N, C-alpha and C. Protein backbone atom coordinates (compact mmCIF):
# COMPACT_ATOMS: atom_id res chain seq x y z
N MET A 1 6.79 9.47 12.37
CA MET A 1 5.69 8.55 12.16
C MET A 1 5.63 8.12 10.68
N ASN A 2 5.97 9.04 9.77
CA ASN A 2 5.95 8.68 8.35
C ASN A 2 6.92 7.56 8.04
N ALA A 3 8.06 7.54 8.73
CA ALA A 3 9.04 6.47 8.51
C ALA A 3 8.46 5.12 8.92
N LEU A 4 7.68 5.11 10.00
CA LEU A 4 7.04 3.87 10.45
C LEU A 4 5.99 3.40 9.44
N TYR A 5 5.17 4.34 8.95
CA TYR A 5 4.16 3.98 7.93
C TYR A 5 4.84 3.45 6.67
N HIS A 6 5.95 4.09 6.29
CA HIS A 6 6.67 3.65 5.09
C HIS A 6 7.23 2.24 5.27
N ARG A 7 7.74 1.96 6.46
CA ARG A 7 8.27 0.62 6.74
C ARG A 7 7.16 -0.43 6.69
N ILE A 8 5.99 -0.10 7.24
CA ILE A 8 4.85 -1.01 7.20
C ILE A 8 4.39 -1.20 5.75
N TYR A 9 4.36 -0.10 4.97
CA TYR A 9 4.01 -0.17 3.55
C TYR A 9 4.95 -1.14 2.82
N LEU A 10 6.25 -1.02 3.08
CA LEU A 10 7.23 -1.87 2.41
C LEU A 10 7.08 -3.34 2.81
N CYS A 11 6.67 -3.59 4.05
CA CYS A 11 6.40 -4.98 4.47
C CYS A 11 5.24 -5.55 3.64
N GLY A 12 4.21 -4.76 3.45
CA GLY A 12 3.09 -5.19 2.63
C GLY A 12 3.50 -5.38 1.18
N TYR A 13 4.30 -4.43 0.66
CA TYR A 13 4.75 -4.50 -0.72
C TYR A 13 5.64 -5.73 -0.95
N ASP A 14 6.36 -6.13 0.08
CA ASP A 14 7.22 -7.31 0.02
C ASP A 14 6.41 -8.60 0.04
N GLY A 15 5.10 -8.49 0.31
CA GLY A 15 4.24 -9.66 0.31
C GLY A 15 4.10 -10.33 1.66
N LYS A 16 4.60 -9.68 2.68
CA LYS A 16 4.46 -10.24 4.03
C LYS A 16 3.00 -10.14 4.46
N ILE A 17 2.47 -11.25 4.91
CA ILE A 17 1.05 -11.30 5.28
C ILE A 17 0.92 -11.04 6.77
N MET A 18 0.05 -10.09 7.10
CA MET A 18 -0.23 -9.77 8.49
C MET A 18 -1.23 -10.80 9.02
N PRO A 19 -0.99 -11.35 10.21
CA PRO A 19 -1.94 -12.33 10.76
C PRO A 19 -3.34 -11.74 10.89
N ARG A 20 -4.33 -12.58 10.72
CA ARG A 20 -5.71 -12.13 10.76
C ARG A 20 -6.06 -11.43 12.06
N TRP A 21 -5.59 -11.97 13.20
CA TRP A 21 -5.92 -11.36 14.48
C TRP A 21 -5.36 -9.94 14.58
N LEU A 22 -4.18 -9.71 13.98
CA LEU A 22 -3.58 -8.38 14.00
C LEU A 22 -4.32 -7.44 13.04
N ARG A 23 -4.73 -7.97 11.88
CA ARG A 23 -5.51 -7.15 10.94
C ARG A 23 -6.82 -6.71 11.57
N LYS A 24 -7.47 -7.59 12.33
CA LYS A 24 -8.73 -7.22 12.99
C LYS A 24 -8.51 -6.12 14.02
N ILE A 25 -7.40 -6.20 14.75
CA ILE A 25 -7.11 -5.16 15.75
C ILE A 25 -6.81 -3.83 15.07
N LEU A 26 -6.06 -3.86 13.97
CA LEU A 26 -5.63 -2.64 13.29
C LEU A 26 -6.60 -2.14 12.23
N ALA A 27 -7.68 -2.85 11.99
CA ALA A 27 -8.62 -2.49 10.92
C ALA A 27 -9.07 -1.04 11.05
N GLY A 28 -8.98 -0.31 9.94
CA GLY A 28 -9.41 1.08 9.90
C GLY A 28 -8.35 2.08 10.35
N SER A 29 -7.21 1.60 10.79
CA SER A 29 -6.16 2.50 11.26
C SER A 29 -5.21 2.85 10.11
N GLU A 30 -4.37 3.85 10.34
CA GLU A 30 -3.37 4.23 9.34
C GLU A 30 -2.33 3.12 9.14
N PHE A 31 -2.08 2.33 10.18
CA PHE A 31 -1.15 1.21 10.04
C PHE A 31 -1.69 0.19 9.05
N HIS A 32 -2.97 -0.14 9.19
CA HIS A 32 -3.59 -1.11 8.29
C HIS A 32 -3.64 -0.56 6.87
N ARG A 33 -3.96 0.73 6.74
CA ARG A 33 -4.02 1.36 5.42
C ARG A 33 -2.66 1.30 4.73
N ALA A 34 -1.59 1.60 5.47
CA ALA A 34 -0.24 1.56 4.90
C ALA A 34 0.10 0.16 4.42
N TRP A 35 -0.18 -0.84 5.25
CA TRP A 35 0.12 -2.22 4.88
C TRP A 35 -0.70 -2.65 3.65
N MET A 36 -2.00 -2.32 3.66
CA MET A 36 -2.89 -2.74 2.57
C MET A 36 -2.48 -2.10 1.25
N LEU A 37 -2.14 -0.81 1.25
CA LEU A 37 -1.71 -0.16 0.01
C LEU A 37 -0.45 -0.81 -0.54
N GLY A 38 0.48 -1.16 0.34
CA GLY A 38 1.69 -1.85 -0.11
C GLY A 38 1.38 -3.24 -0.61
N PHE A 39 0.54 -3.97 0.10
CA PHE A 39 0.20 -5.34 -0.27
C PHE A 39 -0.52 -5.39 -1.62
N LYS A 40 -1.38 -4.41 -1.88
CA LYS A 40 -2.11 -4.36 -3.15
C LYS A 40 -1.28 -3.76 -4.29
N GLY A 41 -0.14 -3.14 -3.97
CA GLY A 41 0.76 -2.63 -5.00
C GLY A 41 0.51 -1.20 -5.42
N PHE A 42 -0.11 -0.41 -4.58
CA PHE A 42 -0.35 1.00 -4.90
C PHE A 42 0.89 1.82 -4.57
N PHE A 43 1.21 2.81 -5.42
CA PHE A 43 2.29 3.75 -5.14
C PHE A 43 2.07 5.02 -5.93
N VAL A 44 2.78 6.09 -5.56
CA VAL A 44 2.67 7.39 -6.22
C VAL A 44 4.05 7.76 -6.74
N GLU A 45 4.10 8.17 -8.01
CA GLU A 45 5.36 8.62 -8.60
C GLU A 45 5.09 9.89 -9.38
N SER A 46 5.80 10.95 -9.08
CA SER A 46 5.65 12.26 -9.73
C SER A 46 4.20 12.74 -9.68
N GLY A 47 3.53 12.49 -8.58
CA GLY A 47 2.17 12.95 -8.40
C GLY A 47 1.11 12.11 -9.08
N VAL A 48 1.51 11.03 -9.74
CA VAL A 48 0.57 10.14 -10.42
C VAL A 48 0.44 8.87 -9.60
N ARG A 49 -0.81 8.48 -9.30
CA ARG A 49 -1.05 7.27 -8.52
C ARG A 49 -1.11 6.06 -9.44
N TYR A 50 -0.41 5.01 -9.04
CA TYR A 50 -0.41 3.77 -9.80
C TYR A 50 -0.90 2.64 -8.91
N GLY A 51 -1.51 1.65 -9.53
CA GLY A 51 -2.02 0.50 -8.81
C GLY A 51 -2.62 -0.48 -9.80
N PRO A 52 -3.39 -1.43 -9.32
CA PRO A 52 -3.98 -2.44 -10.20
C PRO A 52 -4.85 -1.86 -11.31
N ALA A 53 -5.57 -0.77 -11.05
CA ALA A 53 -6.47 -0.21 -12.06
C ALA A 53 -5.74 0.75 -13.00
N ASN A 54 -4.56 1.24 -12.62
CA ASN A 54 -3.78 2.16 -13.43
C ASN A 54 -2.33 1.70 -13.41
N PRO A 55 -2.00 0.63 -14.16
CA PRO A 55 -0.65 0.06 -14.08
C PRO A 55 0.41 1.02 -14.61
N TYR A 56 1.61 0.88 -14.08
CA TYR A 56 2.74 1.70 -14.48
C TYR A 56 3.04 1.48 -15.95
N GLY A 57 3.19 2.57 -16.69
CA GLY A 57 3.53 2.48 -18.10
C GLY A 57 2.34 2.25 -19.02
N ALA A 58 1.13 2.24 -18.47
CA ALA A 58 -0.05 2.05 -19.30
C ALA A 58 -0.33 3.33 -20.09
N ASN A 59 -0.93 3.17 -21.24
CA ASN A 59 -1.30 4.34 -22.03
C ASN A 59 -2.35 5.14 -21.28
N ARG A 60 -2.13 6.45 -21.21
CA ARG A 60 -3.09 7.33 -20.55
C ARG A 60 -3.67 8.27 -21.59
N PHE A 61 -4.96 8.44 -21.55
CA PHE A 61 -5.64 9.36 -22.45
C PHE A 61 -5.81 10.68 -21.72
N THR A 62 -5.32 11.78 -22.32
CA THR A 62 -5.45 13.09 -21.66
C THR A 62 -6.29 14.01 -22.49
């Protein structure tokens, strides 16, 4: 199942837009979450989450 979620995530990351009728059917599901995280550009690397609010390579204060 993780491979399927990853494939859906990559479709979102590639910028493929899911039709509205399908988004309404899948709303709140893990499939929709995987697509949305990819579409918005979220990812995890070495345990650190990156996305629009924490861009890759940004200065981090520790």
